Each structure stands twice: as structure tokens, then as C-alpha cells.
C-alpha atoms as a PDB file:
ATOM      1  CA  MET A   1     103.407  99.840  86.419  1.00  0.00           C
ATOM      2  CA  ASN A   2     100.707  98.096  88.403  1.00  0.00           C
ATOM      3  CA  GLU A   3     100.036 100.955  90.759  1.00  0.00           C
ATOM      4  CA  SER A   4      99.503 104.552  89.726  1.00  0.00           C
ATOM      5  CA  PRO A   5     101.927 107.042  91.288  1.00  0.00           C
ATOM      6  CA  PHE A   6      99.226 109.705  90.997  1.00  0.00           C
ATOM      7  CA  GLN A   7      97.383 109.142  94.267  1.00  0.00           C
ATOM      8  CA  THR A   8      96.582 111.152  97.363  1.00  0.00           C
ATOM      9  CA  GLU A   9      96.658 108.274  99.839  1.00  0.00           C
ATOM     10  CA  PRO A  10      99.887 107.261 101.631  1.00  0.00           C
ATOM     11  CA  ASN A  11     101.798 104.948  99.366  1.00  0.00           C
ATOM     12  CA  PRO A  12     104.985 102.816  99.511  1.00  0.00           C
ATOM     13  CA  ARG A  13     106.327 105.182  96.841  1.00  0.00           C
ATOM     14  CA  ASP A  14     106.499 107.862  99.557  1.00  0.00           C
ATOM     15  CA  GLN A  15     109.346 105.942 101.211  1.00  0.00           C
ATOM     16  CA  ALA A  16     111.544 106.156  98.118  1.00  0.00           C
ATOM     17  CA  PRO A  17     113.823 109.162  97.518  1.00  0.00           C
ATOM     18  CA  GLN A  18     111.720 111.767  95.744  1.00  0.00           C
ATOM     19  CA  PHE A  19     112.684 113.061  92.315  1.00  0.00           C
ATOM     20  CA  VAL A  20     111.134 115.586  89.939  1.00  0.00           C
ATOM     21  CA  LEU A  21     111.120 115.927  86.154  1.00  0.00           C
ATOM     22  CA  PRO A  22     112.043 119.540  85.276  1.00  0.00           C
ATOM     23  CA  LEU A  23     110.436 121.191  82.272  1.00  0.00           C
ATOM     24  CA  VAL A  24     111.148 124.759  81.168  1.00  0.00           C
ATOM     25  CA  VAL A  25     108.937 126.680  78.772  1.00  0.00           C
ATOM     26  CA  ARG A  26     110.424 129.546  76.791  1.00  0.00           C
ATOM     27  CA  LEU A  27     108.393 132.658  77.541  1.00  0.00           C
ATOM     28  CA  GLU A  28     109.699 135.715  75.727  1.00  0.00           C
ATOM     29  CA  LYS A  29     107.771 138.898  76.505  1.00  0.00           C
ATOM     30  CA  ALA A  30     107.334 139.863  72.870  1.00  0.00           C
ATOM     31  CA  ALA A  31     106.217 136.452  71.622  1.00  0.00           C
ATOM     32  CA  PRO A  32     104.695 134.166  74.250  1.00  0.00           C
ATOM     33  CA  PRO A  33     103.528 130.759  73.019  1.00  0.00           C
ATOM     34  CA  ALA A  34      99.873 129.860  72.634  1.00  0.00           C
ATOM     35  CA  ARG A  35      98.545 127.994  75.664  1.00  0.00           C
ATOM     36  CA  THR A  36      97.364 124.832  73.886  1.00  0.00           C
ATOM     37  CA  ASP A  37     100.576 124.620  71.872  1.00  0.00           C
ATOM     38  CA  ALA A  38     102.608 124.851  75.097  1.00  0.00           C
ATOM     39  CA  LEU A  39     100.530 122.110  76.730  1.00  0.00           C
ATOM     40  CA  GLU A  40     100.992 119.832  73.729  1.00  0.00           C
ATOM     41  CA  ALA A  41     104.742 120.514  73.589  1.00  0.00           C
ATOM     42  CA  ALA A  42     105.052 119.664  77.300  1.00  0.00           C
ATOM     43  CA  ALA A  43     103.189 116.362  76.846  1.00  0.00           C
ATOM     44  CA  ARG A  44     105.407 115.448  73.886  1.00  0.00           C
ATOM     45  CA  ALA A  45     108.512 116.451  75.860  1.00  0.00           C
ATOM     46  CA  VAL A  46     107.655 113.909  78.570  1.00  0.00           C
ATOM     47  CA  LEU A  47     107.250 111.189  75.928  1.00  0.00           C
ATOM     48  CA  VAL A  48     110.527 112.180  74.281  1.00  0.00           C
ATOM     49  CA  MET A  49     112.309 111.854  77.636  1.00  0.00           C
ATOM     50  CA  LEU A  50     110.724 108.463  78.406  1.00  0.00           C
ATOM     51  CA  SER A  51     111.633 107.059  74.983  1.00  0.00           C
ATOM     52  CA  ASP A  52     115.119 108.575  74.639  1.00  0.00           C
ATOM     53  CA  GLU A  53     117.848 105.932  74.386  1.00  0.00           C
ATOM     54  CA  ARG A  54     119.661 107.714  77.229  1.00  0.00           C
ATOM     55  CA  SER A  55     116.633 107.052  79.511  1.00  0.00           C
ATOM     56  CA  VAL A  56     116.486 103.268  79.121  1.00  0.00           C
ATOM     57  CA  GLY A  57     118.725 100.276  79.736  1.00  0.00           C
ATOM     58  CA  ASP A  58     122.246 101.437  80.559  1.00  0.00           C
ATOM     59  CA  GLY A  59     121.718 104.962  79.210  1.00  0.00           C
ATOM     60  CA  GLU A  60     123.249 107.896  81.043  1.00  0.00           C
ATOM     61  CA  TRP A  61     119.846 109.116  82.277  1.00  0.00           C
ATOM     62  CA  ALA A  62     118.341 105.686  82.910  1.00  0.00           C
ATOM     63  CA  GLN A  63     119.063 105.440  86.640  1.00  0.00           C
ATOM     64  CA  ALA A  64     117.626 108.911  87.294  1.00  0.00           C
ATOM     65  CA  VAL A  65     114.506 107.999  85.313  1.00  0.00           C
ATOM     66  CA  ARG A  66     114.120 104.724  87.247  1.00  0.00           C
ATOM     67  CA  ASP A  67     114.573 106.501  90.590  1.00  0.00           C
ATOM     68  CA  TRP A  68     111.961 109.079  89.567  1.00  0.00           C
ATOM     69  CA  GLN A  69     109.466 106.452  88.451  1.00  0.00           C
ATOM     70  CA  ASP A  70     109.922 104.476  91.685  1.00  0.00           C
ATOM     71  CA  ALA A  71     108.641 107.426  93.698  1.00  0.00           C
ATOM     72  CA  ARG A  72     105.797 109.899  93.225  1.00  0.00           C
ATOM     73  CA  ILE A  73     105.818 111.080  89.624  1.00  0.00           C
ATOM     74  CA  ARG A  74     106.395 114.790  90.011  1.00  0.00           C
ATOM     75  CA  LYS A  75     106.819 117.281  87.201  1.00  0.00           C
ATOM     76  CA  VAL A  76     107.519 120.990  87.660  1.00  0.00           C
ATOM     77  CA  VAL A  77     107.282 123.536  84.855  1.00  0.00           C
ATOM     78  CA  ARG A  78     109.356 126.706  85.108  1.00  0.00           C
ATOM     79  CA  ARG A  79     109.679 129.541  82.631  1.00  0.00           C
ATOM     80  CA  ALA A  80     112.676 131.295  81.105  1.00  0.00           C
ATOM     81  CA  ARG A  81     113.513 133.968  78.586  1.00  0.00           C
ATOM     82  CA  GLY A  82     116.592 135.524  77.043  1.00  0.00           C
ATOM     83  CA  ALA A  83     119.795 134.601  78.861  1.00  0.00           C
ATOM     84  CA  GLU A  84     117.852 132.354  81.265  1.00  0.00           C
ATOM     85  CA  TRP A  85     116.674 130.245  78.356  1.00  0.00           C
ATOM     86  CA  ARG A  86     120.155 130.078  76.838  1.00  0.00           C
ATOM     87  CA  ARG A  87     121.588 128.847  80.159  1.00  0.00           C
ATOM     88  CA  ALA A  88     118.817 126.229  80.404  1.00  0.00           C
ATOM     89  CA  GLU A  89     119.509 125.070  76.847  1.00  0.00           C
ATOM     90  CA  ALA A  90     123.165 124.494  77.745  1.00  0.00           C
ATOM     91  CA  LEU A  91     122.202 121.821  80.299  1.00  0.00           C
ATOM     92  CA  PRO A  92     121.692 118.169  79.266  1.00  0.00           C
ATOM     93  CA  GLY A  93     118.130 117.720  78.038  1.00  0.00           C
ATOM     94  CA  VAL A  94     115.909 117.817  74.959  1.00  0.00           C
ATOM     95  CA  THR A  95     114.015 120.770  73.480  1.00  0.00           C
ATOM     96  CA  VAL A  96     110.626 120.053  71.922  1.00  0.00           C
ATOM     97  CA  THR A  97     109.108 122.670  69.648  1.00  0.00           C
ATOM     98  CA  GLY A  98     105.537 123.265  68.582  1.00  0.00           C
ATOM     99  CA  LYS A  99     104.069 125.908  66.297  1.00  0.00           C
ATOM    100  CA  THR A 100     104.794 128.666  68.812  1.00  0.00           C
ATOM    101  CA  ALA A 101     106.121 126.863  71.900  1.00  0.00           C
ATOM    102  CA  GLU A 102     109.539 125.647  72.972  1.00  0.00           C
ATOM    103  CA  VAL A 103     109.736 123.342  75.982  1.00  0.00           C
ATOM    104  CA  ARG A 104     112.967 121.816  77.256  1.00  0.00           C
ATOM    105  CA  VAL A 105     112.827 118.657  79.381  1.00  0.00           C
ATOM    106  CA  PHE A 106     115.695 117.550  81.591  1.00  0.00           C
ATOM    107  CA  PRO A 107     116.533 114.220  83.223  1.00  0.00           C
ATOM    108  CA  PRO A 108     114.947 113.862  86.682  1.00  0.00           C
ATOM    109  CA  VAL A 109     116.680 115.501  89.646  1.00  0.00           C
ATOM    110  CA  PRO A 110     116.270 115.066  93.410  1.00  0.00           C
ATOM    111  CA  LEU A 111     113.431 117.172  94.783  1.00  0.00           C
ATOM    112  CA  ASP A 112     115.922 119.418  96.591  1.00  0.00           C
ATOM    113  CA  GLY A 113     118.736 119.034  94.050  1.00  0.00           C
ATOM    114  CA  TRP A 114     117.830 121.273  91.103  1.00  0.00           C
ATOM    115  CA  PRO A 115     120.722 122.632  88.994  1.00  0.00           C
ATOM    116  CA  LYS A 116     121.270 126.252  89.973  1.00  0.00           C
ATOM    117  CA  GLU A 117     120.470 127.426  86.430  1.00  0.00           C
ATOM    118  CA  LEU A 118     116.965 125.957  86.795  1.00  0.00           C
ATOM    119  CA  ALA A 119     116.385 126.472  90.512  1.00  0.00           C
ATOM    120  CA  LYS A 120     116.323 130.256  90.118  1.00  0.00           C
ATOM    121  CA  LEU A 121     113.661 130.213  87.374  1.00  0.00           C
ATOM    122  CA  GLN A 122     110.104 131.280  88.204  1.00  0.00           C
ATOM    123  CA  VAL A 123     107.600 128.470  88.653  1.00  0.00           C
ATOM    124  CA  SER A 124     104.300 129.965  89.841  1.00  0.00           C
ATOM    125  CA  GLY A 125     101.870 132.061  87.844  1.00  0.00           C
ATOM    126  CA  THR A 126     102.862 130.903  84.378  1.00  0.00           C
ATOM    127  CA  ASP A 127      99.805 131.719  82.308  1.00  0.00           C
ATOM    128  CA  LEU A 128      99.161 131.803  78.604  1.00  0.00           C
ATOM    129  CA  ASP A 129      96.257 132.356  76.247  1.00  0.00           C
ATOM    130  CA  ASP A 130      95.097 130.894  72.962  1.00  0.00           C
ATOM    131  CA  PRO A 131      94.723 133.632  70.311  1.00  0.00           C
ATOM    132  CA  GLU A 132      91.850 131.592  68.859  1.00  0.00           C
ATOM    133  CA  PRO A 133      90.023 128.462  70.022  1.00  0.00           C
ATOM    134  CA  PRO A 134      91.895 125.269  69.085  1.00  0.00           C
ATOM    135  CA  ALA A 135      90.376 123.200  66.300  1.00  0.00           C
ATOM    136  CA  ASP A 136      88.604 119.942  67.082  1.00  0.00           C
ATOM    137  CA  ALA A 137      91.041 117.068  67.488  1.00  0.00           C
ATOM    138  CA  ASP A 138      91.230 114.336  64.873  1.00  0.00           C
ATOM    139  CA  PRO A 139      89.441 111.214  66.234  1.00  0.00           C
ATOM    140  CA  MET A 140      92.516 109.089  65.461  1.00  0.00           C
ATOM    141  CA  THR A 141      94.924 111.419  67.262  1.00  0.00           C
ATOM    142  CA  PRO A 142      95.678 110.714  70.933  1.00  0.00           C
ATOM    143  CA  VAL A 143      93.994 113.393  73.047  1.00  0.00           C
ATOM    144  CA  ILE A 144      94.831 114.513  76.578  1.00  0.00           C
ATOM    145  CA  TRP A 145      91.492 115.753  77.891  1.00  0.00           C
ATOM    146  CA  LEU A 146      91.469 118.454  80.591  1.00  0.00           C
ATOM    147  CA  ASN A 147      88.848 118.629  83.331  1.00  0.00           C
ATOM    148  CA  PRO A 148      86.522 121.528  82.382  1.00  0.00           C
ATOM    149  CA  ASP A 149      85.753 122.259  86.046  1.00  0.00           C
ATOM    150  CA  LEU A 150      89.331 123.040  87.090  1.00  0.00           C
ATOM    151  CA  ASP A 151      91.037 126.398  86.694  1.00  0.00           C
ATOM    152  CA  MET A 152      94.737 125.613  86.288  1.00  0.00           C
ATOM    153  CA  SER A 153      97.589 127.931  85.380  1.00  0.00           C
ATOM    154  CA  ALA A 154      99.349 127.075  82.138  1.00  0.00           C
ATOM    155  CA  GLY A 155     102.309 125.698  84.078  1.00  0.00           C
ATOM    156  CA  LYS A 156     100.109 123.411  86.157  1.00  0.00           C
ATOM    157  CA  ALA A 157      98.159 122.256  83.094  1.00  0.00           C
ATOM    158  CA  MET A 158     101.418 121.531  81.244  1.00  0.00           C
ATOM    159  CA  ALA A 159     102.522 119.235  84.070  1.00  0.00           C
ATOM    160  CA  GLN A 160      99.135 117.488  84.111  1.00  0.00           C
ATOM    161  CA  ALA A 161      99.215 116.984  80.330  1.00  0.00           C
ATOM    162  CA  GLY A 162     102.627 115.397  80.808  1.00  0.00           C
ATOM    163  CA  HIS A 163     101.209 113.073  83.481  1.00  0.00           C
ATOM    164  CA  GLY A 164      98.442 111.980  81.117  1.00  0.00           C
ATOM    165  CA  ALA A 165     100.867 111.295  78.280  1.00  0.00           C
ATOM    166  CA  GLN A 166     103.033 109.246  80.640  1.00  0.00           C
ATOM    167  CA  LEU A 167     100.129 107.087  81.835  1.00  0.00           C
ATOM    168  CA  ALA A 168      99.148 106.405  78.214  1.00  0.00           C
ATOM    169  CA  TRP A 169     102.751 105.471  77.391  1.00  0.00           C
ATOM    170  CA  TRP A 170     102.864 102.935  80.225  1.00  0.00           C
ATOM    171  CA  GLU A 171      99.666 101.280  78.972  1.00  0.00           C
ATOM    172  CA  LEU A 172     100.890 100.795  75.389  1.00  0.00           C
ATOM    173  CA  SER A 173     102.694  97.792  73.964  1.00  0.00           C
ATOM    174  CA  GLU A 174     106.182  98.200  72.502  1.00  0.00           C
ATOM    175  CA  GLU A 175     104.680  98.034  69.020  1.00  0.00           C
ATOM    176  CA  GLU A 176     102.157 100.760  69.846  1.00  0.00           C
ATOM    177  CA  ARG A 177     104.874 102.902  71.429  1.00  0.00           C
ATOM    178  CA  THR A 178     107.018 102.584  68.309  1.00  0.00           C
ATOM    179  CA  ALA A 179     104.101 103.568  66.095  1.00  0.00           C
ATOM    180  CA  TRP A 180     103.439 106.645  68.241  1.00  0.00           C
ATOM    181  CA  ARG A 181     107.108 107.621  68.278  1.00  0.00           C
ATOM    182  CA  GLU A 182     107.212 107.389  64.477  1.00  0.00           C
ATOM    183  CA  THR A 183     104.498 110.082  64.267  1.00  0.00           C
ATOM    184  CA  GLY A 184     106.677 112.409  66.354  1.00  0.00           C
ATOM    185  CA  PHE A 185     104.288 111.735  69.256  1.00  0.00           C
ATOM    186  CA  ALA A 186     101.335 113.368  67.542  1.00  0.00           C
ATOM    187  CA  LEU A 187      98.757 114.369  70.146  1.00  0.00           C
ATOM    188  CA  ALA A 188      96.255 117.045  71.072  1.00  0.00           C
ATOM    189  CA  VAL A 189      95.353 118.639  74.401  1.00  0.00           C
ATOM    190  CA  ARG A 190      91.783 119.840  74.691  1.00  0.00           C
ATOM    191  CA  THR A 191      89.308 120.782  77.415  1.00  0.00           C
ATOM    192  CA  ALA A 192      86.412 118.333  77.499  1.00  0.00           C
ATOM    193  CA  GLU A 193      82.782 119.388  77.490  1.00  0.00           C
ATOM    194  CA  PRO A 194      81.210 118.575  80.893  1.00  0.00           C
ATOM    195  CA  GLY A 195      79.132 115.663  79.580  1.00  0.00           C
ATOM    196  CA  ARG A 196      82.067 114.240  77.668  1.00  0.00           C
ATOM    197  CA  TRP A 197      84.249 114.573  80.783  1.00  0.00           C
ATOM    198  CA  ARG A 198      81.848 112.441  82.807  1.00  0.00           C
ATOM    199  CA  GLU A 199      81.989 109.758  80.110  1.00  0.00           C
ATOM    200  CA  LEU A 200      85.771 109.879  79.972  1.00  0.00           C
ATOM    201  CA  THR A 201      86.255 109.504  83.717  1.00  0.00           C
ATOM    202  CA  ALA A 202      84.080 106.370  83.678  1.00  0.00           C
ATOM    203  CA  SER A 203      85.659 104.894  80.536  1.00  0.00           C
ATOM    204  CA  GLY A 204      88.609 103.073  82.059  1.00  0.00           C
ATOM    205  CA  LEU A 205      91.101 105.217  80.126  1.00  0.00           C
ATOM    206  CA  PRO A 206      94.169 106.445  82.065  1.00  0.00           C
ATOM    207  CA  LEU A 207      93.070 109.076  84.588  1.00  0.00           C
ATOM    208  CA  VAL A 208      95.293 111.406  86.614  1.00  0.00           C
ATOM    209  CA  ARG A 209      94.300 112.276  90.173  1.00  0.00           C
ATOM    210  CA  ASP A 210      96.409 115.152  91.427  1.00  0.00           C
ATOM    211  CA  ALA A 211      98.318 114.822  94.692  1.00  0.00           C
ATOM    212  CA  GLY A 212      97.333 118.388  95.573  1.00  0.00           C
ATOM    213  CA  PHE A 213     100.807 119.839  96.111  1.00  0.00           C
ATOM    214  CA  THR A 214      99.881 123.039  94.236  1.00  0.00           C
ATOM    215  CA  GLU A 215      96.815 124.964  93.025  1.00  0.00           C
ATOM    216  CA  ILE A 216      94.079 122.331  93.284  1.00  0.00           C
ATOM    217  CA  ALA A 217      92.556 120.052  95.910  1.00  0.00           C
ATOM    218  CA  PRO A 218      94.133 116.632  96.537  1.00  0.00           C
ATOM    219  CA  GLY A 219      92.412 113.886  94.594  1.00  0.00           C
ATOM    220  CA  SER A 220      91.124 116.170  91.840  1.00  0.00           C
ATOM    221  CA  CYS A 221      90.793 114.391  88.490  1.00  0.00           C
ATOM    222  CA  THR A 222      92.805 116.566  86.136  1.00  0.00           C
ATOM    223  CA  VAL A 223      93.214 114.775  82.807  1.00  0.00           C
ATOM    224  CA  VAL A 224      92.180 111.651  80.924  1.00  0.00           C
ATOM    225  CA  ALA A 225      94.511 110.200  78.278  1.00  0.00           C
ATOM    226  CA  ASP A 226      92.495 109.018  75.276  1.00  0.00           C
ATOM    227  CA  HIS A 227      94.841 107.090  72.988  1.00  0.00           C
ATOM    228  CA  PRO A 228      93.071 105.179  70.167  1.00  0.00           C
ATOM    229  CA  ALA A 229      94.991 102.005  71.049  1.00  0.00           C
ATOM    230  CA  LEU A 230      93.568 102.087  74.588  1.00  0.00           C
ATOM    231  CA  ARG A 231      89.887 102.453  73.716  1.00  0.00           C
END
């Protein structure tokens, strides 16, 4: 990928049919997931989809993934519980679990062509909390750093974490991708300190600028993907 799909300016990608990657987070009233765990599960879910054998070559999802990656790279996170979650789980996709979070990722669909089981799920206002502050990330673990100056809902932040993971994936060699996959896509999502954020945005590491479709201003820098192999 020579040109980032995460831009605010008009782009040849706008002329392609637009697709979206659906993600659904399980959000049971009695036991909601921790926010950071949900963000990390969403980022891993994107990597699982990109690396799945069904998403490459002649795989059954490969054409949908190619069509999605030829256009703007959109991800939408919806939430489900109870019977909604069971219906979502019955659709083709992959469920990624964390310590407390379950996130299911589905092959890309046309922007206006969501399966009815997913189209009716709530998308806005998904918010979560961390019961305790997350521990510092291991320096050798890939980290998706969040902009400390942006106030994003959990759903929005999950999508942005997925964008960051995807940009890192594109930058890696096949050998580096294999090594990451063999760890189960170990990663951390953390909010950067303001000074650290300024360093990260000037570092040359993969940076996501949001298109501004929801919640935040177009062009906002949302995440930086800090993978040790890219430093």
C-alpha cells in the first residue's frame, strides 16, 4: 500500500465501491468488558481477519477484503448481547477473546449492504471503563498509542485501534507478520502521555488520521502504531 486510505482529502479511493469491516463487541449488562481489553481484542480481530487463509489468494473472503482495501478503510463497531450476540455468532466470521472481552469480526460488506442481523445492532454510544489503570506495556510488545487529547467512545477507539494495527501489518515483511501471528498477535493499546504523543507523531511510525465521519474532526491524528520491527 503506497498511499494511506486514512486521509481527509479527496482521493481516487473515493471512486471505488465503498465497503466496511463490521466488528461486534459482546456487551452483556451484568458483565461488560474492560475498555482496554475491548480495544486490544478489536485490534487483534482486524489482524486475524487480514491474516486468515479465507482472506487471501482465492479464499472465500478474499475478494471482499480486496474490494474493501481498494476503497476507504472503514470499520464500524456495533454491540450485542444475549440473543443478538448469538445471532451474530452464527454469521461467518471470527471471534477474538481477551481477558474480559469478546469481539467478532466479519468479512467486509458494502457500506449499505449489512446483514440484517448486524444492521439492527446499536452502533453509537458504546462506552466502557477500565476497573483499574492498565499496566505499562512491555517495550517489546507492539503498542497502539491513543491520542491523549481526543475523547473517543469505546466503539470509536476500537475502530481506531484496528486501523493502527492494520497500518502496522501493511508495513511488516512476511517474516515479521509470521512472527507476530505466532504470538497470537500480542499487542497493547495505551493512551500516550502528551509529550510522548508529540514524539510518536514525528517518529515516522504508522499514523492514522481520521476521515471525520463520526465523533471527531476530520484530519485528527487518532493513533500511532509502534511495532518494534518498525522502529
